[in-house]
Amino acid sequence: MGAPHLTAPVINDIETGRSKAGARRRPVSVSELLAFALALNAPPVYLIVPPDDLDEPYPVTPAASETRRNVAAWIRGTGPMLPRMPLVGDVRKFYAELPEEEFQAMTQRKEPE
């Protein structure tokens, strides 16, 4: 999968949260997350946000949470964090940051080329 540093002991440390010495392992990097998603043939978003109980709250920060559905959409880039996220500001800014091709594909419900 192109991630030779993800050996069986390293994966065990990630799964358990501890190394054999008992020390807490560092957080999983984005590249490791993508390697796991590739190996599991799973959407990376669902390694971050559980796909069940989509109306359950999910912590985005220690002080802010939103439904799993909204967090997953936000990670996918298909929707802003709504409406309980007062720090987000104007929702139009979210869509203004999307590349034009992605915005058009999203509004026409097709994948960008």
Foldseek 3Di string as FASTA:
>chain_A
DPCVVCDPQNVVCQVVQAHPVGDGDDDQDPVNLVVVCVVVVHDSLCVVQPPPPQQDWDDPDPVDIGGSVQVSCVVVLNAHGDDPPVVVPDRVVSLVPDDPQCSVCSVVVHDRD
